[in-house]
Structures are given as C-alpha cells and as structure tokens.
Amino acid sequence: MYWIFLSAGRYRRALGWLAPSLLLASVQAFGAEGLTFNQALQLALRQSPELRAESARVEAAQQAEGPADALPDPTLILGLDNVPVDGADRYSLSSDFMTMQRIGVTQRFPNRSKRTARAEGARQQIGLAEATKEATRLAVLRQTAQAWIELHTLDRQLVLLEELIAENRLFDKAVRARLSSGQGKAIDSVAPRQEAVTLLDRRDALLARQRQAKARLIRWLGEAGRQSPAGQAPDFAINAEQLLNSLHKHPELEIASRQASVAQANADEARAAKKPDWALTLAYMNREEFSDMAMLQVNVDLPLFSRSRQGPRIASAEAEWQALVSRAEAVRREHEAMLQSDLAEYERQERTLARQREQLVPLAKEKVGLARAAWRGGDGSLADLVRARSEWLDAKLKEIDLSGQYDQQAAALHFTYDHHGMVGEEQDDEH
C-alpha cells in the first residue's frame, strides 16, 4: 500500500534503485544453465547505454515539437514619457502635464510560413531521432549476436579439443602397451607426447580467443556476458530478393532522408524571412493630475534589402538541402553495394561450409581410420597415424570455425537489412 502514496519522482527513483537488483536476479536465474542467444539479445537491449542515450534524444525532440511554432513570449514595457530634463521642473514626474508613467506589453507575430516551417522542422527532428535510435538498436543487436556466436563457436572448438586431449591419453597408453608387448619401435613412444603438447598449445590459443570474445560480449551485456553460451544460434532464413526489396527501409537511409527533410524545413524558414513579421503593442499611461491615456501600436518588419540579407541565407540553406539530398542518394548506393557484397560473401561461406562438412571432414576421418588400421597391422607408421589425426583435427576445427563465420554473416545480414522480425524479444520461445 505504501507504493500508492509515492510521488511520480520518488516512483521513478525507486524503479532506478530496483532495476539493478532485478537485472542481477535475472542474470543469476539463467546463470546456472548458461545464456541463450535470445536472452543475450534481450539483455543487450535493456543494458545498452547507447539506446538510453538515443531514447533521451527522441524525448528531447518530442518535447521541442510543441514550442516550435508557438508565438514568442510577450515583452513587458515599463517606462517614463516626456520627463523634463532642464528648467525649473527638470526631472520632476508631476510638474508637466505631458509626463506619463507607461506600462504595456508587446507581442510579436512571426509570419505563418515561418511558423509552419519551424513546426515541420521539429517533426522531422523527431523522425531523425527515432531513425537514429532504430539504427542504434539494430547495431546493438548485431554486435551482441555476433559476439555470442563467436563465443559459442570457440566453446564448441574447446569441447572438441578436450575430447581429443582425453583421447590422446588413451592413445599414449595404447602405444605403451603395444611397446610392452614387444610390438612397434621405442621411438613410437614420443609421438603421442608430441601430439599432446600440440593439442595443449592449440587449447591455449583458443582459451585466449575465448577470453577476448567474452570481453566483447561483456561490453554489450555487462556481468551477464560472463555466462557461457547455451543452446544454439537461430537458423536465420536469409532471402536475398527480400533483403534487396526492403533496402529502402534501412534506418540509415531513413536517417539520411530525415536529415535532408530537416534541411528543407530550414530552407523554407529562410525563404519565409522575406515575408514581414509584425508586432502589436498595448500600453497604458498614467498622468498625475490629468486624464490617463492608452496606446495601440503595430510594428511591421520591412525586408527591403532581401538581396543582401535574406538572399544569402536562403541560398546557404538551399545549398545545404541539396547537399543532403545528394548524400542520401550516395548512402542508398553505398548500402546497396554493401548488401550485394555481403550476400556474395554469405553464399560463398555457405558453399565452403558445405564442402568442408560433407567432403573434407569425412575424408580426413576416413584417412585416420586407414592409418590406424595400417599401424595396427604393421603396414603403416605411427607418424602417419599422428599426422592423419592432426589433419582430421584441422578439418574439424575449420568446420566449426566456418560454421561460426557463416552464422555471424547471417546474423549481420539479418540485423542490418531484414525488416521482418528483427527484434530479439520476438524469438523467446525458440529455445
């Protein structure tokens, strides 16, 4: 019941105090099972200081919209009129019947075209802030997705290496047992130990890369990024034709378009300066021994020198608008080229991964089987078997690495160009 009586300010402060505790609790909740892909995306959106900054900019632009076309504040007038400054009555406020105390107010009225242009500029500023926020949101999702996939890929490679290190111990025992039974050569005892050192070196290299990848994930998630990835990365359905058709909706293209629209509103306001503004003044004047007086005054601007004053401002604003229109077209072309390039790379990675998975890994595995059989039969050397095992490890690690690169490229395309179901929260039930 206590919360009912909190003021709005105290309520916001209370939420600010509770938010870190709630976030810590949520991190601990899925800490035991690891961090899934979608949990990472949701946390990134809630944690991102970049998104909070852009949300504040959107709010600032929205707050500025109302006053954009409002009238200027009125001006208060306080004064003394017709005060004598010489003679016997100098500086007297009551001796001369013309001396008056004045109080009044002046209200300026900018022309309608100028106010309309300012209102349109404010609306375009809101659109620009919203487009910038959307671009930032997608960048946060993209960077988080790629960091999670990279860490997930390295974890898979480390699991494989740990299995091979355990298998190497069994391999070493098998070689020693073979030597104890009088088979093989004494030099064969060195090969398993050399392989063990090589495996440990590769594990150390992967552990270093894992720490670096985890640091990148912590950059976007905070402490939650220390959790191990859980589950699998989603299988993004990349449709090249759809991405090309929806390219015009890209937030960065919207940013460029809104910037041009803001410049156009500024140019309209500059052109509106050629039309006169006006002001209305109302004043009341008090005299000591005579009747009081009132005054009504209208002031009208006279833009008589538009060629040297308003003209250059108009030309400058129009040139800025033309520059931003051209820049918007340049941004569109750049993103179209980037998309085509990214799609080409994605398709290449897909083919390379398929060959690695369907041909090279099975061939390397087959080679290990043949080398093992030859060694056990006395027709092959242990060095050939160790070399075959190393080649299989290379092929398998490369398959996992290619799979991670492929998933990262798909995530980049999805969170950069796909405007259908981009939000990470929408995929909560996948895992």
Protein backbone atom coordinates (compact mmCIF):
# COMPACT_ATOMS: atom_id res chain seq x y z
CA MET A 1 0.00 0.00 0.00
CA TYR A 2 2.94 2.29 0.60
CA TRP A 3 3.70 2.50 -3.12
CA ILE A 4 0.30 4.05 -3.79
CA PHE A 5 1.38 7.21 -2.00
CA LEU A 6 4.73 7.66 -3.76
CA SER A 7 5.11 10.78 -5.85
CA ALA A 8 6.00 10.40 -9.52
CA GLY A 9 9.59 11.48 -8.87
CA ARG A 10 10.03 9.07 -5.96
CA TYR A 11 8.44 6.29 -8.00
CA ARG A 12 10.99 6.79 -10.79
CA ARG A 13 13.84 6.85 -8.26
CA ALA A 14 12.53 3.68 -6.64
CA LEU A 15 12.47 1.96 -10.02
CA GLY A 16 16.04 3.16 -10.59
CA TRP A 17 17.10 1.55 -7.31
CA LEU A 18 15.26 -1.69 -8.05
CA ALA A 19 16.41 -2.09 -11.67
CA PRO A 20 19.98 -3.26 -10.91
CA SER A 21 18.68 -5.76 -8.34
CA LEU A 22 16.09 -7.12 -10.75
CA LEU A 23 18.69 -7.37 -13.51
CA LEU A 24 21.14 -9.17 -11.21
CA ALA A 25 18.40 -11.60 -10.21
CA SER A 26 17.57 -12.30 -13.85
CA VAL A 27 21.27 -12.88 -14.64
CA GLN A 28 21.58 -15.30 -11.72
CA ALA A 29 18.39 -17.06 -12.80
CA PHE A 30 19.82 -18.24 -16.10
CA GLY A 31 23.42 -18.33 -14.88
CA ALA A 32 23.10 -21.99 -13.93
CA GLU A 33 22.08 -23.11 -17.41
CA GLY A 34 24.06 -20.56 -19.39
CA LEU A 35 23.00 -17.68 -21.58
CA THR A 36 20.89 -18.38 -24.66
CA PHE A 37 21.07 -16.35 -27.82
CA ASN A 38 17.73 -14.62 -27.26
CA GLN A 39 18.44 -13.90 -23.61
CA ALA A 40 21.62 -12.16 -24.73
CA LEU A 41 19.69 -10.01 -27.20
CA GLN A 42 17.07 -9.05 -24.61
CA LEU A 43 19.73 -8.13 -22.05
CA ALA A 44 21.63 -6.09 -24.62
CA LEU A 45 18.52 -4.03 -25.39
CA ARG A 46 17.87 -3.40 -21.69
CA GLN A 47 21.52 -2.72 -20.80
CA SER A 48 22.66 -0.57 -23.71
CA PRO A 49 23.72 2.96 -22.67
CA GLU A 50 23.69 3.85 -26.38
CA LEU A 51 19.98 3.04 -26.58
CA ARG A 52 19.24 5.01 -23.42
CA ALA A 53 21.04 7.99 -24.92
CA GLU A 54 19.06 7.75 -28.16
CA SER A 55 15.78 7.39 -26.23
CA ALA A 56 16.62 10.60 -24.38
CA ARG A 57 17.27 12.32 -27.72
CA VAL A 58 13.89 11.16 -29.02
CA GLU A 59 12.22 12.55 -25.90
CA ALA A 60 14.13 15.82 -26.30
CA ALA A 61 12.94 16.15 -29.91
CA GLN A 62 9.35 15.37 -28.90
CA GLN A 63 9.44 17.97 -26.13
CA ALA A 64 10.72 20.57 -28.61
CA GLU A 65 7.88 19.97 -31.09
CA GLY A 66 5.19 21.86 -29.18
CA PRO A 67 7.01 25.19 -28.80
CA ALA A 68 8.40 25.08 -32.35
CA ASP A 69 5.56 27.08 -33.94
CA ALA A 70 4.41 28.87 -30.78
CA LEU A 71 4.37 32.64 -30.60
CA PRO A 72 7.35 34.30 -28.90
CA ASP A 73 6.90 35.32 -25.28
CA PRO A 74 5.34 38.78 -24.88
CA THR A 75 7.56 41.68 -23.81
CA LEU A 76 6.68 43.79 -20.78
CA ILE A 77 7.12 47.57 -21.18
CA LEU A 78 7.81 49.86 -18.21
CA GLY A 79 8.78 53.44 -18.89
CA LEU A 80 8.51 57.16 -18.33
CA ASP A 81 7.50 59.51 -21.14
CA ASN A 82 8.05 63.23 -21.53
CA VAL A 83 10.12 63.83 -18.40
CA PRO A 84 11.57 67.41 -18.42
CA VAL A 85 15.35 67.45 -18.25
CA ASP A 86 16.05 71.17 -17.84
CA GLY A 87 14.47 74.27 -16.38
CA ALA A 88 12.84 74.65 -13.01
CA ASP A 89 10.82 71.41 -13.42
CA ARG A 90 13.67 69.21 -14.57
CA TYR A 91 13.40 65.59 -13.52
CA SER A 92 10.01 66.17 -11.99
CA LEU A 93 7.40 63.47 -12.61
CA SER A 94 4.41 65.65 -11.68
CA SER A 95 5.08 69.21 -12.79
CA ASP A 96 4.49 68.80 -16.51
CA PHE A 97 1.10 67.55 -17.69
CA MET A 98 2.83 65.65 -20.54
CA THR A 99 4.86 63.46 -18.15
CA MET A 100 3.44 59.94 -18.03
CA GLN A 101 4.24 56.60 -16.45
CA ARG A 102 3.87 53.84 -19.01
CA ILE A 103 3.14 50.12 -18.60
CA GLY A 104 2.39 47.88 -21.54
CA VAL A 105 3.07 44.68 -23.40
CA THR A 106 4.35 43.86 -26.89
CA GLN A 107 3.57 40.63 -28.72
CA ARG A 108 5.48 39.66 -31.85
CA PHE A 109 3.74 37.61 -34.57
CA PRO A 110 6.12 35.76 -36.93
CA ASN A 111 4.53 35.17 -40.32
CA ARG A 112 2.59 31.95 -40.82
CA SER A 113 5.07 30.49 -43.34
CA LYS A 114 7.92 30.81 -40.85
CA ARG A 115 5.97 29.12 -38.07
CA THR A 116 4.87 26.32 -40.40
CA ALA A 117 8.46 25.70 -41.46
CA ARG A 118 9.60 25.59 -37.83
CA ALA A 119 6.86 23.08 -36.97
CA GLU A 120 7.82 20.90 -39.92
CA GLY A 121 11.48 21.07 -38.92
CA ALA A 122 10.57 19.93 -35.39
CA ARG A 123 8.57 16.99 -36.76
CA GLN A 124 11.46 15.97 -38.97
CA GLN A 125 13.83 16.20 -36.00
CA ILE A 126 11.62 13.68 -34.16
CA GLY A 127 11.74 11.36 -37.18
CA LEU A 128 15.51 11.78 -37.36
CA ALA A 129 15.92 10.94 -33.66
CA GLU A 130 13.66 7.89 -34.00
CA ALA A 131 15.55 6.66 -37.07
CA THR A 132 18.86 7.12 -35.25
CA LYS A 133 17.52 5.18 -32.28
CA GLU A 134 16.39 2.35 -34.57
CA ALA A 135 19.79 2.23 -36.27
CA THR A 136 21.44 2.09 -32.85
CA ARG A 137 19.08 -0.68 -31.72
CA LEU A 138 19.96 -2.80 -34.73
CA ALA A 139 23.68 -2.17 -34.22
CA VAL A 140 23.40 -3.32 -30.59
CA LEU A 141 21.53 -6.47 -31.66
CA ARG A 142 24.01 -7.16 -34.46
CA GLN A 143 27.11 -6.71 -32.30
CA THR A 144 25.63 -8.79 -29.48
CA ALA A 145 24.56 -11.58 -31.85
CA GLN A 146 27.98 -11.78 -33.46
CA ALA A 147 29.78 -11.71 -30.10
CA TRP A 148 27.56 -14.50 -28.74
CA ILE A 149 28.05 -16.63 -31.88
CA GLU A 150 31.83 -16.12 -31.76
CA LEU A 151 31.97 -17.21 -28.12
CA HIS A 152 29.65 -20.16 -28.83
CA THR A 153 31.92 -21.24 -31.72
CA LEU A 154 35.06 -21.12 -29.57
CA ASP A 155 33.31 -23.12 -26.84
CA ARG A 156 32.49 -25.82 -29.38
CA GLN A 157 36.11 -25.92 -30.55
CA LEU A 158 37.35 -26.17 -26.96
CA VAL A 159 34.95 -29.05 -26.24
CA LEU A 160 36.38 -30.89 -29.26
CA LEU A 161 39.95 -30.26 -28.11
CA GLU A 162 39.20 -31.50 -24.58
CA GLU A 163 37.79 -34.69 -26.07
CA LEU A 164 40.93 -35.14 -28.18
CA ILE A 165 43.19 -34.45 -25.20
CA ALA A 166 41.38 -37.20 -23.28
CA GLU A 167 41.64 -39.47 -26.32
CA ASN A 168 45.35 -38.67 -26.58
CA ARG A 169 45.89 -40.09 -23.10
CA LEU A 170 44.25 -43.34 -24.18
CA PHE A 171 46.32 -43.25 -27.37
CA ASP A 172 49.51 -42.88 -25.30
CA LYS A 173 48.52 -45.86 -23.13
CA ALA A 174 47.80 -47.95 -26.22
CA VAL A 175 51.22 -47.16 -27.69
CA ARG A 176 52.96 -48.01 -24.40
CA ALA A 177 51.02 -51.26 -24.12
CA ARG A 178 51.98 -52.13 -27.69
CA LEU A 179 55.66 -51.48 -26.89
CA SER A 180 55.43 -53.54 -23.69
CA SER A 181 54.17 -56.49 -25.70
CA GLY A 182 57.21 -56.31 -27.95
CA GLN A 183 55.47 -54.67 -30.89
CA GLY A 184 56.46 -51.41 -32.53
CA LYS A 185 59.57 -49.31 -32.00
CA ALA A 186 60.78 -47.37 -29.00
CA ILE A 187 60.66 -44.14 -30.98
CA ASP A 188 56.88 -44.57 -31.24
CA SER A 189 56.52 -43.58 -27.57
CA VAL A 190 57.44 -39.98 -28.44
CA ALA A 191 54.65 -39.34 -30.96
CA PRO A 192 51.66 -39.33 -28.53
CA ARG A 193 53.52 -36.95 -26.20
CA GLN A 194 54.33 -34.62 -29.09
CA GLU A 195 50.69 -34.70 -30.12
CA ALA A 196 49.68 -33.88 -26.52
CA VAL A 197 51.89 -30.78 -26.49
CA THR A 198 50.45 -29.65 -29.83
CA LEU A 199 46.91 -30.10 -28.51
CA LEU A 200 47.69 -28.11 -25.36
CA ASP A 201 49.18 -25.28 -27.45
CA ARG A 202 46.05 -25.15 -29.58
CA ARG A 203 43.86 -25.19 -26.48
CA ASP A 204 45.80 -22.26 -25.01
CA ALA A 205 45.32 -20.30 -28.23
CA LEU A 206 41.58 -20.99 -28.18
CA LEU A 207 41.33 -20.07 -24.48
CA ALA A 208 42.95 -16.69 -25.23
CA ARG A 209 40.49 -16.11 -28.07
CA GLN A 210 37.66 -17.20 -25.77
CA ARG A 211 38.64 -14.56 -23.19
CA GLN A 212 38.73 -11.90 -25.89
CA ALA A 213 35.32 -12.95 -27.22
CA LYS A 214 33.89 -12.95 -23.70
CA ALA A 215 35.20 -9.42 -23.19
CA ARG A 216 33.36 -8.33 -26.34
CA LEU A 217 30.14 -9.92 -25.06
CA ILE A 218 30.55 -8.28 -21.64
CA ARG A 219 30.86 -4.96 -23.49
CA TRP A 220 27.20 -5.34 -24.55
CA LEU A 221 25.73 -7.34 -21.66
CA GLY A 222 27.64 -6.32 -18.57
CA GLU A 223 28.17 -9.06 -15.97
CA ALA A 224 25.70 -11.37 -17.73
CA GLY A 225 28.23 -11.71 -20.53
CA ARG A 226 30.41 -13.83 -18.24
CA GLN A 227 27.92 -16.69 -18.58
CA SER A 228 28.67 -19.48 -21.02
CA PRO A 229 26.54 -19.60 -24.17
CA ALA A 230 23.71 -22.13 -24.02
CA GLY A 231 21.65 -23.65 -26.80
CA GLN A 232 22.22 -22.96 -30.47
CA ALA A 233 22.23 -19.87 -32.65
CA PRO A 234 18.99 -19.44 -34.61
CA ASP A 235 18.91 -20.51 -38.23
CA PHE A 236 18.35 -17.17 -39.96
CA ALA A 237 16.39 -17.56 -43.19
CA ILE A 238 18.24 -15.17 -45.49
CA ASN A 239 16.21 -14.24 -48.57
CA ALA A 240 18.37 -12.18 -50.92
CA GLU A 241 15.46 -10.88 -53.01
CA GLN A 242 13.54 -9.82 -49.92
CA LEU A 243 16.55 -8.00 -48.49
CA LEU A 244 17.11 -6.10 -51.72
CA ASN A 245 13.43 -5.14 -51.95
CA SER A 246 13.33 -3.84 -48.37
CA LEU A 247 16.63 -1.96 -48.56
CA HIS A 248 14.80 1.39 -48.81
CA LYS A 249 13.51 0.83 -45.24
CA HIS A 250 17.00 0.67 -43.81
CA PRO A 251 17.31 3.01 -40.77
CA GLU A 252 20.50 4.64 -42.05
CA LEU A 253 18.72 5.53 -45.29
CA GLU A 254 15.90 6.94 -43.17
CA ILE A 255 18.45 9.00 -41.22
CA ALA A 256 19.85 10.47 -44.44
CA SER A 257 16.33 11.20 -45.72
CA ARG A 258 15.30 12.88 -42.45
CA GLN A 259 18.45 15.00 -42.42
CA ALA A 260 17.54 16.23 -45.90
CA SER A 261 13.98 16.96 -44.72
CA VAL A 262 15.26 18.97 -41.76
CA ALA A 263 17.45 20.98 -44.15
CA GLN A 264 14.45 21.53 -46.42
CA ALA A 265 12.44 22.90 -43.48
CA ASN A 266 15.35 25.23 -42.64
CA ALA A 267 15.36 26.43 -46.26
CA ASP A 268 11.60 27.04 -46.09
CA GLU A 269 12.10 29.06 -42.92
CA ALA A 270 14.86 31.09 -44.60
CA ARG A 271 12.56 31.83 -47.56
CA ALA A 272 9.77 32.81 -45.14
CA ALA A 273 12.05 35.55 -43.76
CA LYS A 274 11.30 37.55 -46.93
CA LYS A 275 7.74 37.94 -45.65
CA PRO A 276 7.29 40.57 -42.92
CA ASP A 277 6.71 39.71 -39.28
CA TRP A 278 4.66 42.10 -37.19
CA ALA A 279 4.19 43.07 -33.56
CA LEU A 280 1.35 44.53 -31.52
CA THR A 281 1.96 46.85 -28.54
CA LEU A 282 -0.64 47.83 -25.96
CA ALA A 283 0.27 50.40 -23.30
CA TYR A 284 -1.40 52.30 -20.51
CA MET A 285 -0.04 55.72 -19.45
CA ASN A 286 -0.75 57.36 -16.13
CA ARG A 287 -0.54 61.13 -15.53
CA GLU A 288 -0.63 62.70 -12.07
CA GLU A 289 -3.21 65.48 -12.50
CA PHE A 290 -4.61 64.78 -15.92
CA SER A 291 -6.55 62.01 -17.57
CA ASP A 292 -4.75 58.73 -18.25
CA MET A 293 -4.01 57.58 -21.78
CA ALA A 294 -3.82 54.32 -23.74
CA MET A 295 -1.74 53.42 -26.77
CA LEU A 296 -2.09 50.82 -29.52
CA GLN A 297 0.88 50.36 -31.81
CA VAL A 298 1.54 47.99 -34.72
CA ASN A 299 5.12 47.34 -35.93
CA VAL A 300 5.76 45.64 -39.27
CA ASP A 301 9.17 44.42 -40.45
CA LEU A 302 10.31 45.78 -43.78
CA PRO A 303 12.56 43.25 -45.56
CA LEU A 304 13.67 45.83 -48.09
CA PHE A 305 17.20 44.51 -48.54
CA SER A 306 16.43 40.84 -49.21
CA ARG A 307 19.14 40.54 -51.87
CA SER A 308 21.94 41.25 -49.38
CA ARG A 309 20.31 39.90 -46.19
CA GLN A 310 17.69 37.19 -46.67
CA GLY A 311 19.01 36.13 -50.08
CA PRO A 312 22.38 34.74 -48.92
CA ARG A 313 20.70 32.89 -46.04
CA ILE A 314 18.23 31.31 -48.45
CA ALA A 315 20.99 30.31 -50.85
CA SER A 316 23.01 28.79 -47.99
CA ALA A 317 20.04 26.79 -46.68
CA GLU A 318 19.12 25.56 -50.16
CA ALA A 319 22.69 24.50 -50.86
CA GLU A 320 22.77 22.55 -47.59
CA TRP A 321 19.49 20.87 -48.53
CA GLN A 322 20.83 19.90 -51.97
CA ALA A 323 23.98 18.52 -50.36
CA LEU A 324 21.97 16.31 -48.00
CA VAL A 325 19.69 15.11 -50.80
CA SER A 326 22.78 14.05 -52.76
CA ARG A 327 24.25 12.45 -49.66
CA ALA A 328 21.05 10.45 -49.14
CA GLU A 329 21.40 9.05 -52.66
CA ALA A 330 25.07 8.26 -52.00
CA VAL A 331 24.13 6.42 -48.80
CA ARG A 332 21.50 4.41 -50.70
CA ARG A 333 24.03 3.38 -53.36
CA GLU A 334 26.62 2.53 -50.73
CA HIS A 335 24.23 0.28 -48.82
CA GLU A 336 23.05 -1.41 -51.98
CA ALA A 337 26.68 -2.21 -52.87
CA MET A 338 27.38 -3.37 -49.31
CA LEU A 339 24.33 -5.63 -49.35
CA GLN A 340 25.33 -7.19 -52.67
CA SER A 341 28.84 -7.76 -51.33
CA ASP A 342 27.58 -9.24 -48.05
CA LEU A 343 25.20 -11.57 -49.90
CA ALA A 344 28.03 -12.76 -52.15
CA GLU A 345 30.19 -13.48 -49.10
CA TYR A 346 27.30 -15.26 -47.37
CA GLU A 347 26.71 -17.51 -50.37
CA ARG A 348 30.44 -18.25 -50.65
CA GLN A 349 30.61 -19.18 -46.97
CA GLU A 350 27.58 -21.44 -47.38
CA ARG A 351 29.26 -23.38 -50.21
CA THR A 352 32.62 -23.55 -48.40
CA LEU A 353 30.99 -24.84 -45.21
CA ALA A 354 29.06 -27.49 -47.16
CA ARG A 355 32.27 -28.78 -48.81
CA GLN A 356 34.12 -28.81 -45.51
CA ARG A 357 31.31 -30.62 -43.69
CA GLU A 358 30.29 -33.06 -46.42
CA GLN A 359 33.64 -33.82 -48.06
CA LEU A 360 36.82 -32.75 -46.26
CA VAL A 361 35.86 -33.80 -42.71
CA PRO A 362 34.63 -37.27 -43.80
CA LEU A 363 37.77 -37.73 -45.93
CA ALA A 364 40.02 -36.77 -43.04
CA LYS A 365 38.15 -39.16 -40.76
CA GLU A 366 38.48 -41.92 -43.34
CA LYS A 367 42.21 -41.24 -43.55
CA VAL A 368 42.55 -41.62 -39.77
CA GLY A 369 40.77 -44.97 -39.94
CA LEU A 370 43.03 -46.22 -42.71
CA ALA A 371 46.19 -45.00 -40.94
CA ARG A 372 45.10 -46.64 -37.66
CA ALA A 373 44.33 -49.94 -39.37
CA ALA A 374 47.70 -49.86 -41.19
CA TRP A 375 49.56 -49.10 -37.96
CA ARG A 376 47.85 -51.89 -36.07
CA GLY A 377 48.53 -54.26 -38.95
CA GLY A 378 52.18 -53.33 -39.04
CA ASP A 379 51.98 -51.84 -42.56
CA GLY A 380 51.99 -48.18 -41.52
CA SER A 381 53.98 -45.93 -39.25
CA LEU A 382 52.79 -44.23 -36.10
CA ALA A 383 53.93 -40.92 -37.61
CA ASP A 384 51.39 -41.40 -40.42
CA LEU A 385 48.63 -42.00 -37.88
CA VAL A 386 49.55 -38.92 -35.84
CA ARG A 387 49.68 -36.82 -39.00
CA ALA A 388 46.27 -38.13 -40.08
CA ARG A 389 44.83 -37.33 -36.64
CA SER A 390 46.23 -33.80 -36.88
CA GLU A 391 44.70 -33.33 -40.32
CA TRP A 392 41.34 -34.52 -39.03
CA LEU A 393 41.56 -32.09 -36.12
CA ASP A 394 42.37 -29.24 -38.51
CA ALA A 395 39.43 -30.19 -40.71
CA LYS A 396 37.01 -30.45 -37.78
CA LEU A 397 38.14 -27.20 -36.15
CA LYS A 398 37.87 -25.45 -39.50
CA GLU A 399 34.35 -26.82 -39.96
CA ILE A 400 33.31 -25.37 -36.59
CA ASP A 401 35.05 -22.08 -37.41
CA LEU A 402 33.38 -21.87 -40.84
CA SER A 403 30.03 -22.66 -39.23
CA GLY A 404 30.56 -19.77 -36.77
CA GLN A 405 31.58 -17.38 -39.57
CA TYR A 406 28.52 -18.40 -41.56
CA ASP A 407 26.22 -17.80 -38.59
CA GLN A 408 27.87 -14.44 -37.90
CA GLN A 409 27.40 -13.36 -41.51
CA ALA A 410 23.76 -14.46 -41.40
CA ALA A 411 23.24 -12.51 -38.16
CA ALA A 412 24.86 -9.44 -39.71
CA LEU A 413 22.54 -9.62 -42.72
CA HIS A 414 19.52 -10.27 -40.53
CA PHE A 415 20.11 -7.44 -38.07
CA THR A 416 21.27 -4.99 -40.73
CA TYR A 417 18.86 -5.44 -43.62
CA ASP A 418 16.00 -7.76 -42.68
CA HIS A 419 13.00 -5.69 -41.55
CA HIS A 420 10.76 -8.69 -40.82
CA GLY A 421 11.00 -10.00 -37.27
CA MET A 422 14.26 -8.30 -36.35
CA VAL A 423 13.60 -7.86 -32.66
CA GLY A 424 15.32 -10.41 -30.45
CA GLU A 425 12.41 -10.50 -27.99
CA GLU A 426 10.14 -12.00 -30.64
CA GLN A 427 12.07 -15.28 -30.67
CA ASP A 428 11.81 -16.10 -26.96
CA ASP A 429 10.18 -19.49 -27.47
CA GLU A 430 12.76 -20.86 -29.89
CA HIS A 431 14.95 -22.24 -27.13
